[in-house]
Amino acid sequence: MACETPACDPAVLARRAEIAADLRTLLSSESVIEDDIALVPYESDALTAYKQLPLVVALPSSTQEVAAVMAYCHRNSLKVVPRGAGTSLSGGALPLGDGILLGLSKLNKVLDIDFDNRTVTAQSGVTNLSITKAVEAQGFYYSPDPSSQIACTIGGNVAENAGGLHCLKYGLTTHNLLGVKLVTPEGEILEIGGKHLDSGGYDFLGLLTGSEGLLGAITEVTVRIRPKPEVVGAMMLGFPSVESAGACVASIISQGMVPAGLEMMDRLAIQAAEDFVDSGYPRDVEAVLLVEVDGTATDVQLLNERIREVAAQHDVSLCKFTTDPAERARFWAGRKAAFPAAGRLSPDYFCMDGTIPRRKLPEVLRGINALSEKHGLRVINVFHAGDGNLHPLILYDAEQDGQLEAAEAYGADILRLCVEAGGVLTGEHGVGIEKRDLMPLMFNDVDIKQQLRVKAAFDESNRLNPGKVFPQLHRCAEQGRVHVHRGETRFPELPRF
């Protein structure tokens, strides 16, 4: 479903040329993009079902240039969509046909490494994995590790409160974040937090984490780094059913064990991953659990023994354990490649993101499979089982009439199922446009108005990433479909204080 660009309108083209010329007085000439063909790489983020050419792309190289662009847009009442690496799976960086796309990829320097305080300060365009690579020679690493860590940027991680394979033990971005530098919609530069562990007053850092680009543009980030554990072990467990694997997850956590990582893949995901990277997963099981344990040698051995005992109570059919770094990396290679591996099975897929109580895993997995039959589409289940963060991949073909609509409806039903099970709409991908019209499943009008008041406190004119997160004037929640307005993005009025 592609949105129509208004670029064919002569009035819009004239406005585009004027804006681009103005921006070139603030940035280098090559940092402003206005040509239709050159704009195509920016037409969507990783939620590729929805596309829209931006009016103009601006690529600043510093916080000061970001501030200059934001101030210009404020003076001229122009909408702005911040974008990092574009790996968002919820449409959070979908451009506007009548707005500036503010690309932050040129802010790509590590600014400070402080081993005494165990912190790294980096510009927002630095990739997640690059932070670990900058400190690993000294025995440190950055623990949040989204599957897209080779590409996703630390600024985007903050905007979406990204997690990863090790978030069960070491937390999401918010638990590892110490400070940010933020440019407001008016172009003011704010420094919030820093190397110190806590700040007085309101928790603005907590508010900004997961704010999806609605409150400001993040240009610098200070994060906590950790020393590498003494020993790391990985387990591969095979089960005869997804229900038994899900029950095993709940039992592991309920007995007080907190593995560094606890991931689950169903049969279709296993087959796809094996065909793609050959990680040695068993093909004759219905589900695989990947468990990582770390600590001292004694800790790792004890956890290995206890998890084996729990798995045996849930009909485990295969159990492998290793502390060899190469074999451990092979175990995880299939899980980290699960999303691209799914591309071998279908031309398109929706990667969903709902979170449920762990004890509800077997029940919700049965429900997801039943919905597969209802909507006539296959699904791959890959998720952070330890914290109940589900990532069902709904397979479809956008070239086939009705399949995109069926996938949208299927995804909405999965998210309803998660909420009904006591869960939430998103664990780490954010709301974006994908889930915005389902927000009333969790929040009533009073709740949403309160959130809009917070938005208004930062962005009174609603020019920063409008059309995201909050339900639109024309909701499609009843039909379970996302609605993308063509050309200009419409958005609700912000309530005033």
Protein backbone atom coordinates (compact mmCIF):
# COMPACT_ATOMS: atom_id res chain seq x y z
CA MET A 1 0.00 0.00 0.00
CA ALA A 2 1.97 3.00 -1.25
CA CYS A 3 0.94 6.55 -0.44
CA GLU A 4 0.80 8.95 -3.34
CA THR A 5 3.41 11.67 -3.29
CA PRO A 6 2.18 15.22 -3.95
CA ALA A 7 5.38 15.92 -5.89
CA CYS A 8 3.48 16.14 -9.20
CA ASP A 9 1.69 19.29 -7.96
CA PRO A 10 3.56 22.32 -9.39
CA ALA A 11 2.82 24.34 -6.26
CA VAL A 12 4.38 21.65 -4.09
CA LEU A 13 7.38 21.39 -6.43
CA ALA A 14 7.89 25.14 -6.17
CA ARG A 15 7.69 24.97 -2.40
CA ARG A 16 10.14 22.08 -2.39
CA ALA A 17 12.71 24.07 -4.37
CA GLU A 18 12.34 27.05 -2.04
CA ILE A 19 12.75 24.91 1.09
CA ALA A 20 15.72 23.04 -0.35
CA ALA A 21 17.41 26.33 -1.23
CA ASP A 22 16.86 27.62 2.30
CA LEU A 23 18.24 24.41 3.83
CA ARG A 24 21.38 24.69 1.70
CA THR A 25 22.15 27.93 3.51
CA LEU A 26 22.26 25.86 6.73
CA LEU A 27 23.85 22.63 5.47
CA SER A 28 26.29 21.60 2.77
CA SER A 29 24.72 21.30 -0.67
CA GLU A 30 25.02 17.50 -0.80
CA SER A 31 23.26 17.26 2.57
CA VAL A 32 19.94 18.36 1.06
CA ILE A 33 18.03 15.97 -1.21
CA GLU A 34 15.03 17.00 -3.29
CA ASP A 35 15.19 14.89 -6.45
CA ASP A 36 12.41 12.27 -6.66
CA ILE A 37 14.77 9.43 -7.59
CA ALA A 38 17.27 10.31 -4.86
CA LEU A 39 14.42 10.46 -2.33
CA VAL A 40 13.31 6.85 -2.98
CA PRO A 41 15.66 5.25 -0.39
CA TYR A 42 13.87 7.31 2.25
CA GLU A 43 10.30 6.46 1.23
CA SER A 44 9.80 3.97 4.08
CA ASP A 45 11.50 2.40 7.03
CA ALA A 46 11.62 -1.37 7.62
CA LEU A 47 7.80 -1.48 7.61
CA THR A 48 7.87 -1.48 3.82
CA ALA A 49 4.14 -2.04 3.32
CA TYR A 50 3.67 1.73 3.53
CA LYS A 51 5.63 4.19 1.41
CA GLN A 52 5.69 7.95 0.99
CA LEU A 53 8.31 10.17 -0.65
CA PRO A 54 9.34 12.99 1.70
CA LEU A 55 9.17 16.55 0.48
CA VAL A 56 12.88 17.13 1.20
CA VAL A 57 15.59 15.21 3.09
CA ALA A 58 18.01 17.12 5.32
CA LEU A 59 21.19 15.37 6.52
CA PRO A 60 22.87 17.48 9.22
CA SER A 61 26.35 16.57 10.50
CA SER A 62 26.23 18.04 14.02
CA THR A 63 23.93 18.94 16.86
CA GLN A 64 24.23 22.59 15.87
CA GLU A 65 23.11 21.82 12.31
CA VAL A 66 20.18 19.79 13.64
CA ALA A 67 19.22 22.76 15.79
CA ALA A 68 19.45 25.11 12.81
CA VAL A 69 17.18 22.88 10.70
CA MET A 70 14.66 22.48 13.52
CA ALA A 71 14.58 26.23 14.14
CA TYR A 72 14.04 26.88 10.42
CA CYS A 73 11.17 24.38 10.29
CA HIS A 74 9.63 25.94 13.39
CA ARG A 75 9.75 29.43 11.90
CA ASN A 76 8.18 28.20 8.67
CA SER A 77 5.60 25.83 10.25
CA LEU A 78 7.12 22.79 8.53
CA LYS A 79 6.60 19.25 9.75
CA VAL A 80 9.68 17.18 10.59
CA VAL A 81 10.20 13.42 10.78
CA PRO A 82 13.45 12.34 12.50
CA ARG A 83 15.09 9.20 11.05
CA GLY A 84 18.06 7.13 12.13
CA ALA A 85 18.99 4.02 10.17
CA GLY A 86 15.39 3.37 9.11
CA THR A 87 15.24 -0.07 10.77
CA SER A 88 11.96 0.75 12.55
CA LEU A 89 9.41 -2.03 12.11
CA SER A 90 6.40 0.05 13.13
CA GLY A 91 6.54 2.84 10.55
CA GLY A 92 7.91 5.33 13.06
CA ALA A 93 10.14 6.93 10.41
CA LEU A 94 7.57 6.94 7.58
CA PRO A 95 8.07 10.31 5.82
CA LEU A 96 5.46 12.95 5.09
CA GLY A 97 4.75 14.19 1.59
CA ASP A 98 4.54 17.71 3.01
CA GLY A 99 7.35 17.50 5.54
CA ILE A 100 11.13 17.43 6.03
CA LEU A 101 12.80 14.10 6.71
CA LEU A 102 15.60 14.80 9.20
CA GLY A 103 18.21 12.10 8.62
CA LEU A 104 20.65 11.67 11.51
CA SER A 105 22.98 9.10 9.95
CA LYS A 106 25.89 11.57 9.60
CA LEU A 107 26.08 11.96 13.37
CA ASN A 108 28.20 8.82 13.55
CA LYS A 109 31.09 9.48 15.95
CA VAL A 110 31.89 7.92 19.32
CA LEU A 111 32.68 11.03 21.37
CA ASP A 112 33.87 9.71 24.73
CA ILE A 113 34.84 6.39 26.31
CA ASP A 114 35.16 6.50 30.08
CA PHE A 115 36.19 3.14 31.53
CA ASP A 116 36.44 4.56 35.07
CA ASN A 117 32.75 5.49 34.98
CA ARG A 118 31.91 2.65 32.57
CA THR A 119 30.19 4.93 30.08
CA VAL A 120 30.27 5.70 26.38
CA THR A 121 28.96 8.91 24.82
CA ALA A 122 28.16 8.64 21.12
CA GLN A 123 26.32 10.63 18.50
CA SER A 124 22.90 9.27 17.70
CA GLY A 125 23.89 7.83 14.30
CA VAL A 126 26.45 5.41 15.78
CA THR A 127 25.30 1.82 15.32
CA ASN A 128 24.49 -0.29 18.35
CA LEU A 129 27.21 -2.84 17.58
CA SER A 130 29.83 -0.14 17.06
CA ILE A 131 29.58 0.79 20.74
CA THR A 132 30.54 -2.74 21.75
CA LYS A 133 33.33 -2.83 19.16
CA ALA A 134 34.73 0.42 20.56
CA VAL A 135 35.20 -1.07 24.04
CA GLU A 136 35.52 -4.84 23.60
CA ALA A 137 39.33 -4.83 23.47
CA GLN A 138 39.29 -3.64 27.08
CA GLY A 139 36.84 -6.38 28.11
CA PHE A 140 33.62 -4.35 28.03
CA TYR A 141 30.42 -4.42 25.95
CA TYR A 142 27.05 -2.70 25.55
CA SER A 143 24.40 -5.21 26.64
CA PRO A 144 21.21 -4.26 24.71
CA ASP A 145 21.60 -6.08 21.38
CA PRO A 146 18.64 -5.91 18.98
CA SER A 147 18.82 -8.43 16.14
CA SER A 148 19.42 -5.45 13.84
CA GLN A 149 22.35 -4.22 15.97
CA ILE A 150 24.73 -4.23 13.02
CA ALA A 151 22.57 -1.52 11.40
CA CYS A 152 20.29 0.12 13.96
CA THR A 153 21.56 3.31 15.61
CA ILE A 154 21.76 4.21 19.26
CA GLY A 155 19.52 7.26 18.77
CA GLY A 156 16.83 5.06 17.23
CA ASN A 157 17.29 2.57 20.09
CA VAL A 158 16.45 5.37 22.53
CA ALA A 159 13.49 6.55 20.46
CA GLU A 160 11.97 3.05 20.42
CA ASN A 161 13.37 1.77 23.76
CA ALA A 162 14.87 -1.18 21.89
CA GLY A 163 15.62 -4.48 23.59
CA GLY A 164 17.40 -7.52 22.24
CA LEU A 165 18.48 -11.05 22.99
CA HIS A 166 19.96 -10.16 26.39
CA CYS A 167 17.28 -7.79 27.68
CA LEU A 168 15.89 -10.43 30.05
CA LYS A 169 18.85 -10.12 32.42
CA TYR A 170 20.40 -6.79 31.44
CA GLY A 171 17.38 -4.74 30.51
CA LEU A 172 16.16 -2.62 27.63
CA THR A 173 17.71 0.61 26.40
CA THR A 174 16.05 2.54 29.24
CA HIS A 175 17.91 0.45 31.83
CA ASN A 176 21.28 1.20 30.23
CA LEU A 177 20.77 4.87 29.35
CA LEU A 178 22.34 7.67 31.38
CA GLY A 179 21.93 10.81 29.31
CA VAL A 180 20.91 12.37 26.00
CA LYS A 181 21.38 15.60 24.09
CA LEU A 182 18.05 16.66 22.59
CA VAL A 183 17.07 19.33 20.08
CA THR A 184 13.56 20.67 20.69
CA PRO A 185 11.08 21.49 17.89
CA GLU A 186 12.05 25.15 18.33
CA GLY A 187 15.73 24.37 17.81
CA GLU A 188 16.88 24.63 21.43
CA ILE A 189 19.57 22.19 22.62
CA LEU A 190 18.93 20.41 25.92
CA GLU A 191 21.25 18.15 27.88
CA ILE A 192 19.38 15.65 30.05
CA GLY A 193 21.20 13.32 32.42
CA GLY A 194 24.88 12.49 31.93
CA LYS A 195 27.49 10.13 33.32
CA HIS A 196 26.01 10.24 36.81
CA LEU A 197 23.62 7.47 37.79
CA ASP A 198 20.60 9.63 38.60
CA SER A 199 19.31 13.17 38.28
CA GLY A 200 17.11 15.27 40.48
CA GLY A 201 13.67 16.48 39.48
CA TYR A 202 11.36 14.93 36.92
CA ASP A 203 12.50 11.84 35.03
CA PHE A 204 12.68 13.46 31.60
CA LEU A 205 15.14 10.80 30.49
CA GLY A 206 12.54 8.12 31.13
CA LEU A 207 9.94 10.18 29.28
CA LEU A 208 12.14 10.59 26.21
CA THR A 209 13.06 6.90 26.03
CA GLY A 210 10.51 5.29 23.76
CA SER A 211 8.99 8.63 22.71
CA GLU A 212 9.30 7.66 19.01
CA GLY A 213 10.58 11.02 17.77
CA LEU A 214 7.50 12.92 18.94
CA LEU A 215 9.20 15.14 21.53
CA GLY A 216 12.57 16.09 20.04
CA ALA A 217 15.51 14.98 17.92
CA ILE A 218 18.16 13.05 19.87
CA THR A 219 21.70 13.88 18.75
CA GLU A 220 23.93 12.40 21.49
CA VAL A 221 23.51 9.50 23.87
CA THR A 222 25.43 8.40 26.98
CA VAL A 223 25.09 4.73 27.87
CA ARG A 224 26.32 2.31 30.49
CA ILE A 225 28.83 -0.37 29.47
CA ARG A 226 29.51 -3.62 31.33
CA PRO A 227 32.52 -5.87 31.80
CA LYS A 228 32.26 -9.11 29.88
CA PRO A 229 31.25 -12.06 32.10
CA GLU A 230 33.87 -14.60 33.12
CA VAL A 231 32.11 -17.52 31.41
CA VAL A 232 29.24 -17.63 28.91
CA GLY A 233 27.37 -20.81 28.07
CA ALA A 234 24.62 -21.49 25.53
CA MET A 235 21.99 -24.21 25.54
CA MET A 236 19.87 -25.49 22.67
CA LEU A 237 16.69 -27.27 23.78
CA GLY A 238 14.27 -29.07 21.43
CA PHE A 239 10.59 -29.70 22.28
CA PRO A 240 7.77 -31.72 20.73
CA SER A 241 5.35 -28.75 20.85
CA VAL A 242 5.40 -24.98 21.19
CA GLU A 243 3.17 -25.36 24.23
CA SER A 244 5.71 -27.51 26.08
CA ALA A 245 8.49 -25.06 25.17
CA GLY A 246 6.39 -22.15 26.41
CA ALA A 247 5.61 -23.98 29.65
CA CYS A 248 9.35 -24.62 30.13
CA VAL A 249 10.06 -20.89 29.82
CA ALA A 250 7.51 -20.07 32.51
CA SER A 251 8.97 -22.75 34.80
CA ILE A 252 12.55 -21.52 34.40
CA ILE A 253 11.63 -17.98 35.40
CA SER A 254 9.23 -19.00 38.18
CA GLN A 255 12.03 -20.96 39.87
CA GLY A 256 14.12 -17.82 40.23
CA MET A 257 16.55 -18.36 37.37
CA VAL A 258 17.35 -15.38 35.15
CA PRO A 259 19.29 -16.45 32.06
CA ALA A 260 21.15 -13.80 30.08
CA GLY A 261 18.99 -14.72 27.08
CA LEU A 262 15.97 -16.97 26.52
CA GLU A 263 14.67 -17.15 22.95
CA MET A 264 12.16 -19.39 21.20
CA MET A 265 11.57 -20.39 17.57
CA ASP A 266 8.85 -22.62 16.14
CA ARG A 267 9.21 -25.28 13.43
CA LEU A 268 8.76 -22.97 10.45
CA ALA A 269 11.30 -20.52 11.87
CA ILE A 270 13.72 -23.39 12.56
CA GLN A 271 13.47 -24.66 8.99
CA ALA A 272 13.96 -21.19 7.52
CA ALA A 273 16.96 -20.44 9.73
CA GLU A 274 18.61 -23.78 8.98
CA ASP A 275 18.21 -23.29 5.25
CA PHE A 276 19.68 -19.80 5.58
CA VAL A 277 22.66 -20.15 7.97
CA ASP A 278 22.91 -23.82 9.07
CA SER A 279 23.07 -23.33 12.85
CA GLY A 280 22.63 -27.01 13.63
CA TYR A 281 19.03 -26.70 14.81
CA PRO A 282 17.07 -29.98 14.91
CA ARG A 283 14.51 -30.19 12.11
CA ASP A 284 12.37 -32.84 13.80
CA VAL A 285 11.07 -30.69 16.69
CA GLU A 286 8.21 -28.22 16.92
CA ALA A 287 10.12 -25.63 18.95
CA VAL A 288 13.65 -24.71 19.98
CA LEU A 289 14.66 -22.75 23.05
CA LEU A 290 18.00 -20.99 23.04
CA VAL A 291 19.22 -20.23 26.55
CA GLU A 292 22.31 -18.24 27.41
CA VAL A 293 23.76 -18.27 30.93
CA ASP A 294 26.71 -16.24 32.17
CA GLY A 295 28.70 -15.46 35.29
CA THR A 296 31.41 -17.41 37.09
CA ALA A 297 32.20 -20.96 36.02
CA THR A 298 30.27 -22.21 39.06
CA ASP A 299 27.22 -20.05 38.22
CA VAL A 300 27.14 -21.29 34.64
CA GLN A 301 27.46 -24.94 35.56
CA LEU A 302 24.74 -24.69 38.23
CA LEU A 303 22.31 -22.94 35.87
CA ASN A 304 23.01 -25.50 33.17
CA GLU A 305 22.12 -28.34 35.54
CA ARG A 306 18.98 -26.67 36.89
CA ILE A 307 17.66 -25.71 33.45
CA ARG A 308 18.21 -29.28 32.22
CA GLU A 309 16.12 -30.54 35.13
CA VAL A 310 13.29 -28.13 34.36
CA ALA A 311 13.40 -28.94 30.64
CA ALA A 312 13.15 -32.66 31.41
CA GLN A 313 9.84 -31.97 33.16
CA HIS A 314 8.49 -30.52 29.89
CA ASP A 315 9.35 -33.39 27.52
CA VAL A 316 12.57 -31.93 26.14
CA SER A 317 13.86 -34.14 23.31
CA LEU A 318 17.23 -32.50 22.68
CA CYS A 319 19.65 -30.69 24.97
CA LYS A 320 23.03 -29.32 23.87
CA PHE A 321 25.30 -27.10 25.95
CA THR A 322 28.50 -25.32 25.03
CA THR A 323 30.89 -22.70 26.36
CA ASP A 324 32.91 -22.64 23.15
CA PRO A 325 32.59 -19.12 21.69
CA ALA A 326 32.43 -20.32 18.07
CA GLU A 327 29.74 -22.91 18.74
CA ARG A 328 27.79 -20.47 20.90
CA ALA A 329 27.89 -17.91 18.07
CA ARG A 330 26.60 -20.62 15.72
CA PHE A 331 23.66 -21.34 18.05
CA TRP A 332 22.69 -17.67 17.99
CA ALA A 333 23.35 -17.10 14.28
CA GLY A 334 20.07 -18.74 13.29
CA ARG A 335 18.04 -16.70 15.75
CA LYS A 336 19.67 -13.42 14.72
CA ALA A 337 19.06 -14.28 11.06
CA ALA A 338 15.44 -15.33 11.58
CA PHE A 339 13.95 -12.20 10.00
CA PRO A 340 15.98 -12.24 6.77
CA ALA A 341 15.55 -16.03 6.66
CA ALA A 342 11.78 -15.51 6.56
CA GLY A 343 12.27 -13.64 3.31
CA ARG A 344 13.06 -16.97 1.65
CA LEU A 345 9.56 -18.20 2.48
CA SER A 346 7.46 -15.27 1.35
CA PRO A 347 7.82 -12.06 -0.71
CA ASP A 348 6.56 -9.97 2.23
CA TYR A 349 5.97 -10.27 5.95
CA PHE A 350 4.71 -8.24 8.89
CA CYS A 351 6.87 -8.51 12.00
CA MET A 352 4.52 -8.06 14.94
CA ASP A 353 5.54 -7.00 18.44
CA GLY A 354 3.29 -7.71 21.39
CA THR A 355 4.18 -8.59 24.97
CA ILE A 356 2.32 -10.96 27.28
CA PRO A 357 2.75 -12.48 30.76
CA ARG A 358 5.10 -15.48 30.45
CA ARG A 359 2.57 -17.87 31.96
CA LYS A 360 0.25 -17.11 29.03
CA LEU A 361 2.74 -18.23 26.37
CA PRO A 362 1.14 -21.62 25.61
CA GLU A 363 -2.35 -20.12 25.47
CA VAL A 364 -1.39 -17.20 23.23
CA LEU A 365 0.65 -19.39 20.87
CA ARG A 366 -2.38 -21.64 20.38
CA GLY A 367 -4.43 -18.53 19.66
CA ILE A 368 -1.93 -17.22 17.09
CA ASN A 369 -2.00 -20.55 15.26
CA ALA A 370 -5.80 -20.58 15.27
CA LEU A 371 -5.81 -17.06 13.81
CA SER A 372 -3.49 -18.30 11.05
CA GLU A 373 -6.27 -20.59 9.85
CA LYS A 374 -8.87 -17.84 10.21
CA HIS A 375 -6.95 -15.39 8.00
CA GLY A 376 -5.47 -17.96 5.62
CA LEU A 377 -1.87 -16.82 6.13
CA ARG A 378 1.18 -18.62 7.51
CA VAL A 379 2.99 -17.34 10.57
CA ILE A 380 6.50 -17.84 11.96
CA ASN A 381 6.90 -17.49 15.72
CA VAL A 382 10.21 -16.03 16.87
CA PHE A 383 10.41 -14.16 20.14
CA HIS A 384 12.12 -13.12 23.35
CA ALA A 385 10.45 -15.86 25.35
CA GLY A 386 12.04 -14.88 28.66
CA ASP A 387 10.17 -11.57 28.89
CA GLY A 388 7.12 -12.58 26.86
CA ASN A 389 7.92 -10.30 23.91
CA LEU A 390 6.39 -11.99 20.85
CA HIS A 391 7.54 -11.38 17.27
CA PRO A 392 5.18 -13.37 15.02
CA LEU A 393 6.09 -12.94 11.35
CA ILE A 394 2.95 -12.93 9.22
CA LEU A 395 3.81 -14.13 5.70
CA TYR A 396 1.95 -12.62 2.74
CA ASP A 397 2.35 -11.47 -0.85
CA ALA A 398 1.47 -7.83 -1.44
CA GLU A 399 1.03 -8.55 -5.16
CA GLN A 400 -1.88 -10.87 -4.38
CA ASP A 401 -5.22 -9.07 -4.03
CA GLY A 402 -6.40 -8.88 -0.45
CA GLN A 403 -3.31 -10.38 1.19
CA LEU A 404 -1.99 -7.11 2.63
CA GLU A 405 -5.40 -6.40 4.11
CA ALA A 406 -5.57 -9.94 5.50
CA ALA A 407 -2.11 -9.52 7.06
CA GLU A 408 -3.16 -6.23 8.66
CA ALA A 409 -6.28 -7.84 10.09
CA TYR A 410 -4.29 -10.84 11.33
CA GLY A 411 -1.76 -8.56 13.02
CA ALA A 412 -4.51 -6.56 14.72
CA ASP A 413 -6.07 -9.79 16.00
CA ILE A 414 -2.72 -10.92 17.42
CA LEU A 415 -2.33 -7.64 19.28
CA ARG A 416 -5.89 -7.89 20.62
CA LEU A 417 -5.04 -11.38 21.81
CA CYS A 418 -1.97 -10.04 23.63
CA VAL A 419 -3.95 -7.29 25.37
CA GLU A 420 -6.73 -9.70 26.34
CA ALA A 421 -4.08 -11.99 27.87
CA GLY A 422 -2.95 -9.15 30.13
CA GLY A 423 -0.19 -7.91 27.86
CA VAL A 424 0.56 -4.76 25.90
CA LEU A 425 0.65 -3.63 22.26
CA THR A 426 4.41 -3.32 21.95
CA GLY A 427 7.55 -4.52 23.65
CA GLU A 428 10.30 -2.78 21.68
CA HIS A 429 9.22 -1.86 18.14
CA GLY A 430 7.04 1.06 19.17
CA VAL A 431 3.57 2.09 18.04
CA GLY A 432 4.40 4.20 14.97
CA ILE A 433 1.64 3.92 12.39
CA GLU A 434 1.37 0.15 12.70
CA LYS A 435 -0.44 0.12 16.05
CA ARG A 436 -1.67 3.69 16.43
CA ASP A 437 -5.32 2.94 15.64
CA LEU A 438 -5.27 0.05 18.13
CA MET A 439 -4.24 2.29 21.02
CA PRO A 440 -7.86 2.43 22.28
CA LEU A 441 -7.50 -1.27 23.13
CA MET A 442 -5.26 -0.19 26.00
CA PHE A 443 -6.08 3.47 26.60
CA ASN A 444 -9.38 5.32 26.94
CA ASP A 445 -9.93 8.89 25.74
CA VAL A 446 -8.77 10.37 29.04
CA ASP A 447 -5.52 8.39 28.88
CA ILE A 448 -4.81 9.45 25.31
CA LYS A 449 -5.59 13.11 26.04
CA GLN A 450 -3.12 13.06 28.92
CA GLN A 451 -0.44 11.68 26.62
CA LEU A 452 -1.27 14.33 24.03
CA ARG A 453 -0.82 17.02 26.72
CA VAL A 454 2.72 15.75 27.27
CA LYS A 455 3.27 15.92 23.52
CA ALA A 456 1.93 19.50 23.52
CA ALA A 457 4.34 20.51 26.29
CA PHE A 458 7.25 19.71 23.97
CA ASP A 459 5.64 20.31 20.57
CA GLU A 460 2.67 22.63 20.87
CA SER A 461 2.13 23.00 17.11
CA ASN A 462 2.33 19.22 16.53
CA ARG A 463 4.91 19.47 13.78
CA LEU A 464 7.32 16.79 14.99
CA ASN A 465 6.57 13.32 13.58
CA PRO A 466 2.81 13.91 13.42
CA GLY A 467 0.50 11.05 12.50
CA LYS A 468 2.37 8.54 14.66
CA VAL A 469 1.39 6.77 17.90
CA PHE A 470 -1.95 8.52 18.56
CA PRO A 471 -5.22 7.38 16.89
CA GLN A 472 -6.16 9.38 13.82
CA LEU A 473 -9.32 11.33 13.10
CA HIS A 474 -10.44 8.52 10.78
CA ARG A 475 -9.83 5.41 12.86
CA CYS A 476 -9.85 1.94 11.37
CA ALA A 477 -9.57 0.06 14.66
CA GLU A 478 -12.99 -1.48 14.10
CA GLN A 479 -11.76 -3.11 10.90
CA GLY A 480 -8.38 -3.96 12.45
CA ARG A 481 -6.51 -2.08 9.74
CA VAL A 482 -3.89 0.62 9.74
CA HIS A 483 -4.94 3.65 7.71
CA VAL A 484 -2.26 5.74 6.02
CA HIS A 485 -3.50 9.07 4.74
CA ARG A 486 -2.30 9.90 1.25
CA GLY A 487 -0.11 12.89 0.57
CA GLU A 488 -0.42 14.91 3.76
CA THR A 489 -0.65 13.20 7.12
CA ARG A 490 -3.68 14.23 9.15
CA PHE A 491 -3.48 14.27 12.90
CA PRO A 492 -5.66 15.09 15.90
CA GLU A 493 -5.65 18.46 17.60
CA LEU A 494 -3.48 18.58 20.69
CA PRO A 495 -5.37 19.46 23.86
CA ARG A 496 -4.26 22.68 25.52
CA PHE A 497 -3.53 23.11 29.19
